[in-house]
Amino acid sequence: MTGEPDPRPLNSAVPLNTLRAGESGTIAEIYGGHHLRSRMLTLGLTPGAGVTVLQNYGHGPLIVRVRDTRVALGRGEAEKVFVRREA
């Protein structure tokens, strides 16, 4: 990561794994098969839910806070959850 601002607009949906630690967003869409979508919904990652990235080292799992719960997601899972960044 270069430390430069992200050129993408705040309202465009980006994969969850692109957010840095401390960044927040609102879940816009979950792309994937039935099993992945079911797992995300069970964990509380539903469209419209707010999510904050607590840990993202750029490799390995991400830790996010959603609905006052800490959730660990694999990188492959996180890249299929699209969020709209919050300012």
N, C-alpha and C. Protein backbone atom coordinates (compact mmCIF):
# COMPACT_ATOMS: atom_id res chain seq x y z
N MET A 1 0.85 -1.18 0.00
CA MET A 1 0.00 0.00 0.00
C MET A 1 0.88 1.23 0.00
N THR A 2 0.51 2.21 -0.78
CA THR A 2 1.36 3.37 -1.00
C THR A 2 1.08 4.54 -0.08
N GLY A 3 -0.06 4.54 0.59
CA GLY A 3 -0.41 5.66 1.44
C GLY A 3 -1.11 6.78 0.69
N GLU A 4 -1.24 6.63 -0.63
CA GLU A 4 -1.94 7.63 -1.42
C GLU A 4 -3.44 7.42 -1.30
N PRO A 5 -4.24 8.47 -1.45
CA PRO A 5 -5.69 8.32 -1.37
C PRO A 5 -6.20 7.41 -2.48
N ASP A 6 -7.26 6.69 -2.18
CA ASP A 6 -7.87 5.80 -3.16
C ASP A 6 -8.64 6.66 -4.17
N PRO A 7 -8.37 6.51 -5.48
CA PRO A 7 -9.02 7.35 -6.48
C PRO A 7 -10.47 6.98 -6.74
N ARG A 8 -10.95 5.84 -6.26
CA ARG A 8 -12.32 5.43 -6.53
C ARG A 8 -13.29 6.26 -5.72
N PRO A 9 -14.44 6.60 -6.29
CA PRO A 9 -15.43 7.38 -5.54
C PRO A 9 -15.98 6.59 -4.36
N LEU A 10 -16.40 7.30 -3.31
CA LEU A 10 -16.90 6.65 -2.10
C LEU A 10 -18.15 5.82 -2.34
N ASN A 11 -18.98 6.23 -3.30
CA ASN A 11 -20.26 5.54 -3.48
C ASN A 11 -20.17 4.32 -4.38
N SER A 12 -19.01 4.03 -4.99
CA SER A 12 -18.91 2.84 -5.83
C SER A 12 -18.56 1.65 -4.95
N ALA A 13 -19.17 0.52 -5.24
CA ALA A 13 -18.93 -0.68 -4.44
C ALA A 13 -17.58 -1.29 -4.78
N VAL A 14 -16.85 -1.65 -3.75
CA VAL A 14 -15.52 -2.26 -3.89
C VAL A 14 -15.49 -3.53 -3.04
N PRO A 15 -14.61 -4.47 -3.37
CA PRO A 15 -14.50 -5.67 -2.55
C PRO A 15 -14.06 -5.32 -1.13
N LEU A 16 -14.60 -6.02 -0.17
CA LEU A 16 -14.29 -5.78 1.24
C LEU A 16 -12.79 -5.88 1.52
N ASN A 17 -12.10 -6.77 0.82
CA ASN A 17 -10.67 -6.96 1.09
C ASN A 17 -9.81 -5.79 0.63
N THR A 18 -10.39 -4.80 -0.05
CA THR A 18 -9.62 -3.62 -0.46
C THR A 18 -9.65 -2.51 0.59
N LEU A 19 -10.54 -2.62 1.59
CA LEU A 19 -10.57 -1.63 2.65
C LEU A 19 -9.41 -1.85 3.61
N ARG A 20 -8.87 -0.77 4.11
CA ARG A 20 -7.77 -0.84 5.08
C ARG A 20 -8.33 -0.88 6.49
N ALA A 21 -7.50 -1.27 7.43
CA ALA A 21 -7.91 -1.28 8.83
C ALA A 21 -8.41 0.10 9.23
N GLY A 22 -9.56 0.17 9.88
CA GLY A 22 -10.15 1.43 10.30
C GLY A 22 -11.19 1.96 9.34
N GLU A 23 -11.19 1.49 8.10
CA GLU A 23 -12.19 1.95 7.13
C GLU A 23 -13.51 1.24 7.35
N SER A 24 -14.60 1.96 7.05
CA SER A 24 -15.94 1.42 7.21
C SER A 24 -16.70 1.50 5.90
N GLY A 25 -17.75 0.73 5.82
CA GLY A 25 -18.60 0.77 4.65
C GLY A 25 -19.93 0.09 4.93
N THR A 26 -20.76 0.08 3.92
CA THR A 26 -22.06 -0.57 3.99
C THR A 26 -22.07 -1.67 2.95
N ILE A 27 -22.48 -2.85 3.34
CA ILE A 27 -22.50 -3.98 2.41
C ILE A 27 -23.52 -3.72 1.32
N ALA A 28 -23.07 -3.81 0.06
CA ALA A 28 -23.93 -3.55 -1.08
C ALA A 28 -24.42 -4.85 -1.70
N GLU A 29 -23.52 -5.83 -1.84
CA GLU A 29 -23.86 -7.06 -2.56
C GLU A 29 -22.89 -8.15 -2.17
N ILE A 30 -23.35 -9.39 -2.23
CA ILE A 30 -22.50 -10.55 -2.00
C ILE A 30 -22.57 -11.40 -3.26
N TYR A 31 -21.42 -11.61 -3.89
CA TYR A 31 -21.34 -12.41 -5.10
C TYR A 31 -20.76 -13.76 -4.76
N GLY A 32 -21.41 -14.80 -5.19
CA GLY A 32 -20.91 -16.14 -4.92
C GLY A 32 -22.04 -17.14 -4.96
N GLY A 33 -21.69 -18.37 -4.73
CA GLY A 33 -22.67 -19.45 -4.75
C GLY A 33 -23.53 -19.47 -3.50
N HIS A 34 -24.43 -20.42 -3.48
CA HIS A 34 -25.38 -20.54 -2.37
C HIS A 34 -24.67 -20.74 -1.04
N HIS A 35 -23.65 -21.57 -1.00
CA HIS A 35 -22.95 -21.85 0.25
C HIS A 35 -22.30 -20.58 0.82
N LEU A 36 -21.60 -19.82 -0.03
CA LEU A 36 -20.95 -18.60 0.44
C LEU A 36 -21.97 -17.57 0.90
N ARG A 37 -23.02 -17.37 0.11
CA ARG A 37 -24.04 -16.39 0.49
C ARG A 37 -24.71 -16.79 1.81
N SER A 38 -24.98 -18.07 1.98
CA SER A 38 -25.60 -18.55 3.21
C SER A 38 -24.67 -18.31 4.41
N ARG A 39 -23.38 -18.58 4.24
CA ARG A 39 -22.42 -18.36 5.33
C ARG A 39 -22.36 -16.88 5.70
N MET A 40 -22.28 -16.00 4.70
CA MET A 40 -22.20 -14.57 4.97
C MET A 40 -23.45 -14.07 5.68
N LEU A 41 -24.61 -14.52 5.23
CA LEU A 41 -25.86 -14.09 5.85
C LEU A 41 -25.95 -14.59 7.29
N THR A 42 -25.49 -15.81 7.54
CA THR A 42 -25.50 -16.36 8.89
C THR A 42 -24.59 -15.56 9.82
N LEU A 43 -23.47 -15.06 9.29
CA LEU A 43 -22.53 -14.27 10.09
C LEU A 43 -23.00 -12.83 10.30
N GLY A 44 -24.11 -12.45 9.67
CA GLY A 44 -24.63 -11.09 9.81
C GLY A 44 -24.19 -10.14 8.72
N LEU A 45 -23.46 -10.65 7.74
CA LEU A 45 -23.01 -9.82 6.62
C LEU A 45 -24.12 -9.79 5.57
N THR A 46 -25.08 -8.91 5.79
CA THR A 46 -26.23 -8.79 4.91
C THR A 46 -26.20 -7.44 4.21
N PRO A 47 -26.77 -7.35 3.00
CA PRO A 47 -26.82 -6.06 2.33
C PRO A 47 -27.47 -5.01 3.22
N GLY A 48 -26.82 -3.86 3.30
CA GLY A 48 -27.29 -2.76 4.13
C GLY A 48 -26.64 -2.70 5.50
N ALA A 49 -25.96 -3.75 5.90
CA ALA A 49 -25.29 -3.78 7.21
C ALA A 49 -23.99 -2.99 7.15
N GLY A 50 -23.70 -2.28 8.22
CA GLY A 50 -22.44 -1.56 8.32
C GLY A 50 -21.32 -2.52 8.72
N VAL A 51 -20.13 -2.27 8.19
CA VAL A 51 -18.98 -3.13 8.47
C VAL A 51 -17.75 -2.25 8.62
N THR A 52 -16.89 -2.59 9.59
CA THR A 52 -15.63 -1.88 9.81
C THR A 52 -14.51 -2.90 9.77
N VAL A 53 -13.46 -2.60 9.01
CA VAL A 53 -12.31 -3.50 8.95
C VAL A 53 -11.43 -3.23 10.17
N LEU A 54 -11.17 -4.26 10.94
CA LEU A 54 -10.32 -4.14 12.12
C LEU A 54 -8.89 -4.55 11.80
N GLN A 55 -8.73 -5.53 10.91
CA GLN A 55 -7.39 -6.01 10.55
C GLN A 55 -7.38 -6.47 9.11
N ASN A 56 -6.42 -5.95 8.35
CA ASN A 56 -6.21 -6.36 6.97
C ASN A 56 -4.75 -6.14 6.64
N TYR A 57 -3.97 -7.19 6.72
CA TYR A 57 -2.53 -7.10 6.47
C TYR A 57 -2.19 -7.23 4.99
N GLY A 58 -3.19 -7.43 4.12
CA GLY A 58 -2.92 -7.58 2.70
C GLY A 58 -2.72 -9.03 2.29
N HIS A 59 -2.68 -9.92 3.26
CA HIS A 59 -2.60 -11.36 3.00
C HIS A 59 -3.25 -12.05 4.20
N GLY A 60 -3.72 -13.25 4.01
CA GLY A 60 -4.37 -13.96 5.10
C GLY A 60 -5.76 -13.41 5.39
N PRO A 61 -6.34 -13.82 6.52
CA PRO A 61 -7.72 -13.44 6.82
C PRO A 61 -7.88 -11.97 7.20
N LEU A 62 -9.11 -11.49 7.05
CA LEU A 62 -9.49 -10.15 7.50
C LEU A 62 -10.32 -10.31 8.75
N ILE A 63 -10.22 -9.36 9.65
CA ILE A 63 -11.11 -9.33 10.80
C ILE A 63 -11.95 -8.07 10.67
N VAL A 64 -13.26 -8.25 10.71
CA VAL A 64 -14.18 -7.12 10.55
C VAL A 64 -15.14 -7.10 11.72
N ARG A 65 -15.73 -5.93 11.94
CA ARG A 65 -16.80 -5.79 12.93
C ARG A 65 -18.08 -5.54 12.17
N VAL A 66 -19.06 -6.39 12.44
CA VAL A 66 -20.38 -6.24 11.85
C VAL A 66 -21.41 -6.56 12.93
N ARG A 67 -22.37 -5.67 13.12
CA ARG A 67 -23.42 -5.85 14.13
C ARG A 67 -22.81 -6.11 15.51
N ASP A 68 -21.79 -5.33 15.87
CA ASP A 68 -21.12 -5.42 17.18
C ASP A 68 -20.47 -6.78 17.44
N THR A 69 -20.10 -7.49 16.37
CA THR A 69 -19.44 -8.79 16.49
C THR A 69 -18.20 -8.79 15.62
N ARG A 70 -17.12 -9.37 16.13
CA ARG A 70 -15.90 -9.52 15.34
C ARG A 70 -16.01 -10.82 14.54
N VAL A 71 -15.72 -10.72 13.24
CA VAL A 71 -15.82 -11.87 12.35
C VAL A 71 -14.53 -11.98 11.55
N ALA A 72 -13.97 -13.18 11.47
CA ALA A 72 -12.80 -13.42 10.63
C ALA A 72 -13.27 -14.00 9.31
N LEU A 73 -12.78 -13.42 8.23
CA LEU A 73 -13.13 -13.88 6.89
C LEU A 73 -11.88 -14.23 6.12
N GLY A 74 -11.95 -15.30 5.36
CA GLY A 74 -10.86 -15.63 4.46
C GLY A 74 -10.78 -14.58 3.37
N ARG A 75 -9.61 -14.38 2.82
CA ARG A 75 -9.42 -13.38 1.78
C ARG A 75 -10.32 -13.64 0.57
N GLY A 76 -10.48 -14.90 0.20
CA GLY A 76 -11.35 -15.24 -0.93
C GLY A 76 -12.80 -14.90 -0.66
N GLU A 77 -13.23 -15.09 0.58
CA GLU A 77 -14.60 -14.72 0.95
C GLU A 77 -14.77 -13.21 0.89
N ALA A 78 -13.80 -12.50 1.46
CA ALA A 78 -13.89 -11.04 1.56
C ALA A 78 -13.90 -10.37 0.19
N GLU A 79 -13.26 -10.99 -0.81
CA GLU A 79 -13.24 -10.35 -2.14
C GLU A 79 -14.57 -10.51 -2.87
N LYS A 80 -15.47 -11.30 -2.32
CA LYS A 80 -16.80 -11.48 -2.95
C LYS A 80 -17.88 -10.68 -2.24
N VAL A 81 -17.50 -9.99 -1.17
CA VAL A 81 -18.44 -9.11 -0.45
C VAL A 81 -18.11 -7.68 -0.89
N PHE A 82 -19.06 -7.03 -1.55
CA PHE A 82 -18.83 -5.67 -2.05
C PHE A 82 -19.48 -4.66 -1.12
N VAL A 83 -18.73 -3.61 -0.82
CA VAL A 83 -19.19 -2.58 0.11
C VAL A 83 -19.06 -1.20 -0.52
N ARG A 84 -19.86 -0.27 -0.01
CA ARG A 84 -19.72 1.14 -0.37
C ARG A 84 -19.00 1.81 0.79
N ARG A 85 -17.87 2.42 0.50
CA ARG A 85 -17.07 3.09 1.55
C ARG A 85 -17.84 4.24 2.17
N GLU A 86 -17.57 4.45 3.45
CA GLU A 86 -18.13 5.62 4.14
C GLU A 86 -17.02 6.64 4.32
N ALA A 87 -17.40 7.89 4.35
CA ALA A 87 -16.40 8.96 4.50
C ALA A 87 -15.80 8.96 5.88
